[in-house]
């Protein structure tokens, strides 16, 4: 199985010819329906074609997963590598199907999904996305996986609850520092929530994405 068939997913078409794409990866134990409503929230004018893939693993306590959790910060090597390869194939097929190249595609996610977005957007040998959105996640450390933090880096939006008992906000603080030191433009917000997404930050992200669609994505189209 390869290409778009490698993962189940939901698709939200753009209102006209897509200026870019927005792909959101769900958190542990959820599925492709979980973040699907955020596509319209983040991109209400539907300038972008949107998609929400489903993690390939079915694990206790239920739902879909991207990798086995053994230690926060370090995903299980085998399951992470397998999912990374599947999503790499899926993203390539998604770009071919929609006609939207990686440099006009925003990758985002929550929790495990944020980890996958970081990996797929910053992994060595991966094409640079238009931007990254990482909510309540961390930049993964996995044997055999290498980051590529040479410039130019995509703009990155990071959000994290300060009362998160699942993935500490310290992980996002570290990511912010690491990315800014590498030269990335980082939009960073903390909010007094547990392991959850702040609606107020989503409104800010909607404006941020709209600005990207007007500048970065259109610029790449004209090149």
C-alpha atoms as a PDB file:
ATOM      1  CA  UNK A   1       0.000   0.000   0.000  1.00  0.00           C
ATOM      2  CA  UNK A   2       1.394   3.371  -0.964  1.00  0.00           C
ATOM      3  CA  UNK A   3       0.419   6.902  -1.860  1.00  0.00           C
ATOM      4  CA  UNK A   4      -2.901   8.290  -0.640  1.00  0.00           C
ATOM      5  CA  UNK A   5      -4.015   4.748   0.196  1.00  0.00           C
ATOM      6  CA  UNK A   6      -1.293   4.500   2.853  1.00  0.00           C
ATOM      7  CA  UNK A   7      -3.454   6.426   5.366  1.00  0.00           C
ATOM      8  CA  UNK A   8      -7.138   7.040   5.943  1.00  0.00           C
ATOM      9  CA  UNK A   9      -7.912  10.763   5.851  1.00  0.00           C
ATOM     10  CA  UNK A  10     -10.557  13.446   5.483  1.00  0.00           C
ATOM     11  CA  UNK A  11     -10.282  16.105   2.800  1.00  0.00           C
ATOM     12  CA  UNK A  12     -11.673  19.642   2.794  1.00  0.00           C
ATOM     13  CA  UNK A  13     -11.474  21.270  -0.636  1.00  0.00           C
ATOM     14  CA  UNK A  14     -10.505  24.894  -1.157  1.00  0.00           C
ATOM     15  CA  UNK A  15     -13.244  27.286  -2.277  1.00  0.00           C
ATOM     16  CA  UNK A  16     -11.417  27.953  -5.555  1.00  0.00           C
ATOM     17  CA  UNK A  17      -7.976  27.087  -6.856  1.00  0.00           C
ATOM     18  CA  UNK A  18      -5.961  26.301  -3.751  1.00  0.00           C
ATOM     19  CA  UNK A  19      -3.323  28.857  -2.755  1.00  0.00           C
ATOM     20  CA  UNK A  20      -1.732  26.194  -0.567  1.00  0.00           C
ATOM     21  CA  UNK A  21      -2.526  23.288   1.712  1.00  0.00           C
ATOM     22  CA  UNK A  22      -3.059  22.718   5.431  1.00  0.00           C
ATOM     23  CA  UNK A  23      -2.492  19.235   6.868  1.00  0.00           C
ATOM     24  CA  UNK A  24      -3.288  18.621  10.551  1.00  0.00           C
ATOM     25  CA  UNK A  25      -2.189  15.535  12.513  1.00  0.00           C
ATOM     26  CA  UNK A  26      -4.310  14.456  15.479  1.00  0.00           C
ATOM     27  CA  UNK A  27      -3.142  13.522  18.956  1.00  0.00           C
ATOM     28  CA  UNK A  28      -2.825  10.140  20.629  1.00  0.00           C
ATOM     29  CA  UNK A  29      -6.027   8.099  20.693  1.00  0.00           C
ATOM     30  CA  UNK A  30      -8.004  10.409  18.387  1.00  0.00           C
ATOM     31  CA  UNK A  31      -8.602  10.103  14.633  1.00  0.00           C
ATOM     32  CA  UNK A  32      -8.993  12.097  11.439  1.00  0.00           C
ATOM     33  CA  UNK A  33     -12.247  13.641  12.667  1.00  0.00           C
ATOM     34  CA  UNK A  34     -10.722  15.266  15.746  1.00  0.00           C
ATOM     35  CA  UNK A  35      -8.982  18.268  14.164  1.00  0.00           C
ATOM     36  CA  UNK A  36     -11.093  18.408  11.005  1.00  0.00           C
ATOM     37  CA  UNK A  37     -13.250  21.321  12.313  1.00  0.00           C
ATOM     38  CA  UNK A  38     -10.072  23.350  12.839  1.00  0.00           C
ATOM     39  CA  UNK A  39      -9.516  23.484   9.090  1.00  0.00           C
ATOM     40  CA  UNK A  40     -12.447  25.879   8.701  1.00  0.00           C
ATOM     41  CA  UNK A  41     -11.562  27.696  11.939  1.00  0.00           C
ATOM     42  CA  UNK A  42      -7.979  28.341  10.830  1.00  0.00           C
ATOM     43  CA  UNK A  43      -8.814  28.949   7.163  1.00  0.00           C
ATOM     44  CA  UNK A  44     -12.400  30.272   7.077  1.00  0.00           C
ATOM     45  CA  UNK A  45     -12.066  31.614   3.537  1.00  0.00           C
ATOM     46  CA  UNK A  46     -10.948  28.178   2.354  1.00  0.00           C
ATOM     47  CA  UNK A  47      -7.927  29.508   0.525  1.00  0.00           C
ATOM     48  CA  UNK A  48      -6.164  26.239   1.308  1.00  0.00           C
ATOM     49  CA  UNK A  49      -7.042  22.639   0.578  1.00  0.00           C
ATOM     50  CA  UNK A  50      -7.180  20.916   3.956  1.00  0.00           C
ATOM     51  CA  UNK A  51      -6.644  17.352   5.109  1.00  0.00           C
ATOM     52  CA  UNK A  52      -6.550  15.378   8.372  1.00  0.00           C
ATOM     53  CA  UNK A  53      -4.889  11.958   8.113  1.00  0.00           C
ATOM     54  CA  UNK A  54      -5.440   9.149  10.613  1.00  0.00           C
ATOM     55  CA  UNK A  55      -2.550   7.607  12.510  1.00  0.00           C
ATOM     56  CA  UNK A  56      -1.824   4.046  11.293  1.00  0.00           C
ATOM     57  CA  UNK A  57      -1.674   2.363  14.704  1.00  0.00           C
ATOM     58  CA  UNK A  58      -4.560   1.030  16.824  1.00  0.00           C
ATOM     59  CA  UNK A  59      -3.386   0.755  20.426  1.00  0.00           C
ATOM     60  CA  UNK A  60      -4.851   0.722  23.953  1.00  0.00           C
ATOM     61  CA  UNK A  61      -6.807   2.541  25.267  1.00  0.00           C
ATOM     62  CA  UNK A  62      -8.262   2.968  21.786  1.00  0.00           C
ATOM     63  CA  UNK A  63      -8.284   5.357  18.862  1.00  0.00           C
ATOM     64  CA  UNK A  64      -5.467   5.931  16.402  1.00  0.00           C
ATOM     65  CA  UNK A  65      -1.828   6.579  17.231  1.00  0.00           C
ATOM     66  CA  UNK A  66       1.316   7.667  15.381  1.00  0.00           C
ATOM     67  CA  UNK A  67       3.787   5.815  17.604  1.00  0.00           C
ATOM     68  CA  UNK A  68       4.056   3.908  20.853  1.00  0.00           C
ATOM     69  CA  UNK A  69       4.718   6.150  23.848  1.00  0.00           C
ATOM     70  CA  UNK A  70       7.580   4.888  25.974  1.00  0.00           C
ATOM     71  CA  UNK A  71       9.157   8.146  27.098  1.00  0.00           C
ATOM     72  CA  UNK A  72       8.075  11.756  26.547  1.00  0.00           C
ATOM     73  CA  UNK A  73      10.502  13.369  24.142  1.00  0.00           C
ATOM     74  CA  UNK A  74      11.662  10.080  22.610  1.00  0.00           C
ATOM     75  CA  UNK A  75       9.048   8.162  20.573  1.00  0.00           C
ATOM     76  CA  UNK A  76       9.401   4.416  20.117  1.00  0.00           C
ATOM     77  CA  UNK A  77      11.918   3.952  17.299  1.00  0.00           C
ATOM     78  CA  UNK A  78      10.182   1.237  15.248  1.00  0.00           C
ATOM     79  CA  UNK A  79       6.640   2.601  15.270  1.00  0.00           C
ATOM     80  CA  UNK A  80       7.810   6.199  14.777  1.00  0.00           C
ATOM     81  CA  UNK A  81       9.966   5.215  11.789  1.00  0.00           C
ATOM     82  CA  UNK A  82       7.138   3.224  10.221  1.00  0.00           C
ATOM     83  CA  UNK A  83       4.639   6.073  10.586  1.00  0.00           C
ATOM     84  CA  UNK A  84       7.192   8.603   9.356  1.00  0.00           C
ATOM     85  CA  UNK A  85       7.653   6.575   6.175  1.00  0.00           C
ATOM     86  CA  UNK A  86       3.904   6.141   5.641  1.00  0.00           C
ATOM     87  CA  UNK A  87       3.195   9.842   6.091  1.00  0.00           C
ATOM     88  CA  UNK A  88       6.109  10.741   3.816  1.00  0.00           C
ATOM     89  CA  UNK A  89       4.492   8.641   1.085  1.00  0.00           C
ATOM     90  CA  UNK A  90       1.073  10.072   1.833  1.00  0.00           C
ATOM     91  CA  UNK A  91       2.255  13.693   1.713  1.00  0.00           C
ATOM     92  CA  UNK A  92       3.994  13.115  -1.614  1.00  0.00           C
ATOM     93  CA  UNK A  93       0.818  11.609  -3.074  1.00  0.00           C
ATOM     94  CA  UNK A  94      -1.307  14.373  -1.542  1.00  0.00           C
ATOM     95  CA  UNK A  95       0.870  16.980  -3.239  1.00  0.00           C
ATOM     96  CA  UNK A  96       0.572  15.219  -6.589  1.00  0.00           C
ATOM     97  CA  UNK A  97      -3.191  14.804  -6.245  1.00  0.00           C
ATOM     98  CA  UNK A  98      -3.874  18.416  -5.209  1.00  0.00           C
ATOM     99  CA  UNK A  99      -1.158  20.091  -7.253  1.00  0.00           C
ATOM    100  CA  UNK A 100       0.113  21.848  -4.120  1.00  0.00           C
ATOM    101  CA  UNK A 101       3.876  21.417  -3.582  1.00  0.00           C
ATOM    102  CA  UNK A 102       5.488  21.000  -0.137  1.00  0.00           C
ATOM    103  CA  UNK A 103       6.679  24.620  -0.026  1.00  0.00           C
ATOM    104  CA  UNK A 104       3.047  25.773  -0.083  1.00  0.00           C
ATOM    105  CA  UNK A 105       1.867  23.198   2.472  1.00  0.00           C
ATOM    106  CA  UNK A 106       1.463  23.989   6.175  1.00  0.00           C
ATOM    107  CA  UNK A 107       1.967  21.033   8.518  1.00  0.00           C
ATOM    108  CA  UNK A 108       0.410  21.151  11.969  1.00  0.00           C
ATOM    109  CA  UNK A 109      -0.735  18.994  14.815  1.00  0.00           C
ATOM    110  CA  UNK A 110      -1.634  18.520  18.456  1.00  0.00           C
ATOM    111  CA  UNK A 111       0.354  16.390  20.926  1.00  0.00           C
ATOM    112  CA  UNK A 112       1.595  13.318  18.994  1.00  0.00           C
ATOM    113  CA  UNK A 113       0.466  15.126  15.863  1.00  0.00           C
ATOM    114  CA  UNK A 114       2.697  18.090  16.708  1.00  0.00           C
ATOM    115  CA  UNK A 115       5.610  15.682  17.086  1.00  0.00           C
ATOM    116  CA  UNK A 116       4.911  14.309  13.609  1.00  0.00           C
ATOM    117  CA  UNK A 117       4.606  17.826  12.159  1.00  0.00           C
ATOM    118  CA  UNK A 118       7.982  18.787  13.617  1.00  0.00           C
ATOM    119  CA  UNK A 119       9.561  15.594  12.272  1.00  0.00           C
ATOM    120  CA  UNK A 120       8.073  15.845   8.795  1.00  0.00           C
ATOM    121  CA  UNK A 121       8.829  19.545   8.507  1.00  0.00           C
ATOM    122  CA  UNK A 122      12.337  19.534   9.937  1.00  0.00           C
ATOM    123  CA  UNK A 123      13.655  16.030   9.260  1.00  0.00           C
ATOM    124  CA  UNK A 124      16.862  15.642   7.263  1.00  0.00           C
ATOM    125  CA  UNK A 125      16.078  15.158   3.587  1.00  0.00           C
ATOM    126  CA  UNK A 126      12.492  16.379   3.913  1.00  0.00           C
ATOM    127  CA  UNK A 127      11.213  19.283   1.769  1.00  0.00           C
ATOM    128  CA  UNK A 128      10.592  22.481   3.700  1.00  0.00           C
ATOM    129  CA  UNK A 129       6.909  23.223   4.341  1.00  0.00           C
ATOM    130  CA  UNK A 130       5.357  26.685   4.105  1.00  0.00           C
ATOM    131  CA  UNK A 131       5.014  26.709   7.900  1.00  0.00           C
ATOM    132  CA  UNK A 132       4.628  24.518  10.976  1.00  0.00           C
ATOM    133  CA  UNK A 133       2.011  24.574  13.739  1.00  0.00           C
ATOM    134  CA  UNK A 134       2.931  22.640  16.881  1.00  0.00           C
ATOM    135  CA  UNK A 135       0.383  22.521  19.699  1.00  0.00           C
ATOM    136  CA  UNK A 136       1.292  20.810  22.996  1.00  0.00           C
ATOM    137  CA  UNK A 137       4.100  18.761  21.498  1.00  0.00           C
ATOM    138  CA  UNK A 138       7.878  18.395  21.329  1.00  0.00           C
ATOM    139  CA  UNK A 139      10.686  18.060  18.805  1.00  0.00           C
ATOM    140  CA  UNK A 140      11.403  14.309  18.862  1.00  0.00           C
ATOM    141  CA  UNK A 141      14.680  12.596  19.628  1.00  0.00           C
ATOM    142  CA  UNK A 142      14.732   9.171  17.982  1.00  0.00           C
ATOM    143  CA  UNK A 143      17.645   6.927  17.100  1.00  0.00           C
ATOM    144  CA  UNK A 144      18.151   7.074  13.340  1.00  0.00           C
ATOM    145  CA  UNK A 145      16.140  10.286  12.917  1.00  0.00           C
ATOM    146  CA  UNK A 146      18.029  13.515  12.281  1.00  0.00           C
ATOM    147  CA  UNK A 147      16.866  17.110  12.253  1.00  0.00           C
ATOM    148  CA  UNK A 148      17.919  19.529   9.534  1.00  0.00           C
ATOM    149  CA  UNK A 149      17.976  23.020  11.049  1.00  0.00           C
ATOM    150  CA  UNK A 150      19.951  24.849   8.378  1.00  0.00           C
ATOM    151  CA  UNK A 151      18.422  28.004   6.963  1.00  0.00           C
ATOM    152  CA  UNK A 152      16.036  28.879   5.534  1.00  0.00           C
ATOM    153  CA  UNK A 153      13.634  27.462   8.087  1.00  0.00           C
ATOM    154  CA  UNK A 154       9.840  27.702   7.836  1.00  0.00           C
ATOM    155  CA  UNK A 155       7.969  30.003  10.226  1.00  0.00           C
ATOM    156  CA  UNK A 156       6.754  28.036  13.238  1.00  0.00           C
ATOM    157  CA  UNK A 157       3.749  28.630  15.506  1.00  0.00           C
ATOM    158  CA  UNK A 158       3.979  26.943  18.910  1.00  0.00           C
ATOM    159  CA  UNK A 159       1.268  26.841  21.582  1.00  0.00           C
ATOM    160  CA  UNK A 160       1.213  24.998  24.912  1.00  0.00           C
ATOM    161  CA  UNK A 161      -0.813  24.948  28.127  1.00  0.00           C
ATOM    162  CA  UNK A 162       1.161  25.824  31.235  1.00  0.00           C
ATOM    163  CA  UNK A 163      -0.808  23.259  33.291  1.00  0.00           C
ATOM    164  CA  UNK A 164      -0.253  20.391  30.847  1.00  0.00           C
ATOM    165  CA  UNK A 165       0.240  17.150  32.863  1.00  0.00           C
ATOM    166  CA  UNK A 166       0.807  14.991  29.757  1.00  0.00           C
ATOM    167  CA  UNK A 167       3.557  16.877  27.913  1.00  0.00           C
ATOM    168  CA  UNK A 168       5.135  19.611  30.012  1.00  0.00           C
ATOM    169  CA  UNK A 169       5.226  23.147  28.626  1.00  0.00           C
ATOM    170  CA  UNK A 170       8.995  22.942  29.080  1.00  0.00           C
ATOM    171  CA  UNK A 171       9.152  20.900  25.885  1.00  0.00           C
ATOM    172  CA  UNK A 172       7.716  23.774  23.845  1.00  0.00           C
ATOM    173  CA  UNK A 173       9.993  26.258  25.581  1.00  0.00           C
ATOM    174  CA  UNK A 174      12.953  24.137  24.520  1.00  0.00           C
ATOM    175  CA  UNK A 175      11.642  23.914  20.959  1.00  0.00           C
ATOM    176  CA  UNK A 176      11.221  27.688  20.796  1.00  0.00           C
ATOM    177  CA  UNK A 177      14.773  28.240  21.980  1.00  0.00           C
ATOM    178  CA  UNK A 178      16.224  25.635  19.626  1.00  0.00           C
ATOM    179  CA  UNK A 179      14.353  26.955  16.594  1.00  0.00           C
ATOM    180  CA  UNK A 180      15.048  30.622  17.282  1.00  0.00           C
ATOM    181  CA  UNK A 181      18.736  29.879  17.755  1.00  0.00           C
ATOM    182  CA  UNK A 182      18.672  28.178  14.349  1.00  0.00           C
ATOM    183  CA  UNK A 183      17.133  31.304  12.809  1.00  0.00           C
ATOM    184  CA  UNK A 184      13.437  30.391  12.605  1.00  0.00           C
ATOM    185  CA  UNK A 185      10.670  32.964  12.984  1.00  0.00           C
ATOM    186  CA  UNK A 186       8.625  31.587  15.915  1.00  0.00           C
ATOM    187  CA  UNK A 187       5.153  32.676  17.025  1.00  0.00           C
ATOM    188  CA  UNK A 188       5.016  31.373  20.602  1.00  0.00           C
ATOM    189  CA  UNK A 189       2.152  31.383  23.083  1.00  0.00           C
ATOM    190  CA  UNK A 190       1.501  29.799  26.468  1.00  0.00           C
ATOM    191  CA  UNK A 191      -1.943  29.683  28.042  1.00  0.00           C
ATOM    192  CA  UNK A 192      -3.319  28.577  31.437  1.00  0.00           C
ATOM    193  CA  UNK A 193      -4.755  25.272  30.242  1.00  0.00           C
ATOM    194  CA  UNK A 194      -4.016  21.536  30.658  1.00  0.00           C
ATOM    195  CA  UNK A 195      -3.379  19.293  27.618  1.00  0.00           C
ATOM    196  CA  UNK A 196      -5.734  21.242  25.384  1.00  0.00           C
ATOM    197  CA  UNK A 197      -5.931  23.804  22.579  1.00  0.00           C
ATOM    198  CA  UNK A 198      -6.670  27.448  23.395  1.00  0.00           C
ATOM    199  CA  UNK A 199      -9.455  28.855  21.158  1.00  0.00           C
ATOM    200  CA  UNK A 200      -7.963  32.321  21.535  1.00  0.00           C
ATOM    201  CA  UNK A 201      -4.683  31.131  20.082  1.00  0.00           C
ATOM    202  CA  UNK A 202      -6.534  29.512  17.190  1.00  0.00           C
ATOM    203  CA  UNK A 203      -7.955  32.932  16.289  1.00  0.00           C
ATOM    204  CA  UNK A 204      -4.429  34.341  16.292  1.00  0.00           C
ATOM    205  CA  UNK A 205      -3.252  31.435  14.138  1.00  0.00           C
ATOM    206  CA  UNK A 206      -6.030  32.097  11.648  1.00  0.00           C
ATOM    207  CA  UNK A 207      -4.697  35.621  11.071  1.00  0.00           C
ATOM    208  CA  UNK A 208      -1.145  34.281  10.954  1.00  0.00           C
ATOM    209  CA  UNK A 209      -2.087  31.730   8.293  1.00  0.00           C
ATOM    210  CA  UNK A 210      -3.958  34.334   6.282  1.00  0.00           C
ATOM    211  CA  UNK A 211      -0.817  36.448   6.182  1.00  0.00           C
ATOM    212  CA  UNK A 212       1.211  33.456   5.028  1.00  0.00           C
ATOM    213  CA  UNK A 213      -1.293  32.709   2.280  1.00  0.00           C
ATOM    214  CA  UNK A 214      -1.001  36.300   1.042  1.00  0.00           C
ATOM    215  CA  UNK A 215       2.788  36.458   1.108  1.00  0.00           C
ATOM    216  CA  UNK A 216       4.826  33.265   1.388  1.00  0.00           C
ATOM    217  CA  UNK A 217       2.569  30.899  -0.540  1.00  0.00           C
ATOM    218  CA  UNK A 218       1.800  33.322  -3.354  1.00  0.00           C
ATOM    219  CA  UNK A 219       5.489  34.183  -3.630  1.00  0.00           C
ATOM    220  CA  UNK A 220       6.358  30.514  -4.086  1.00  0.00           C
ATOM    221  CA  UNK A 221       3.648  30.238  -6.751  1.00  0.00           C
ATOM    222  CA  UNK A 222       5.196  33.058  -8.754  1.00  0.00           C
ATOM    223  CA  UNK A 223       8.715  31.617  -8.686  1.00  0.00           C
END
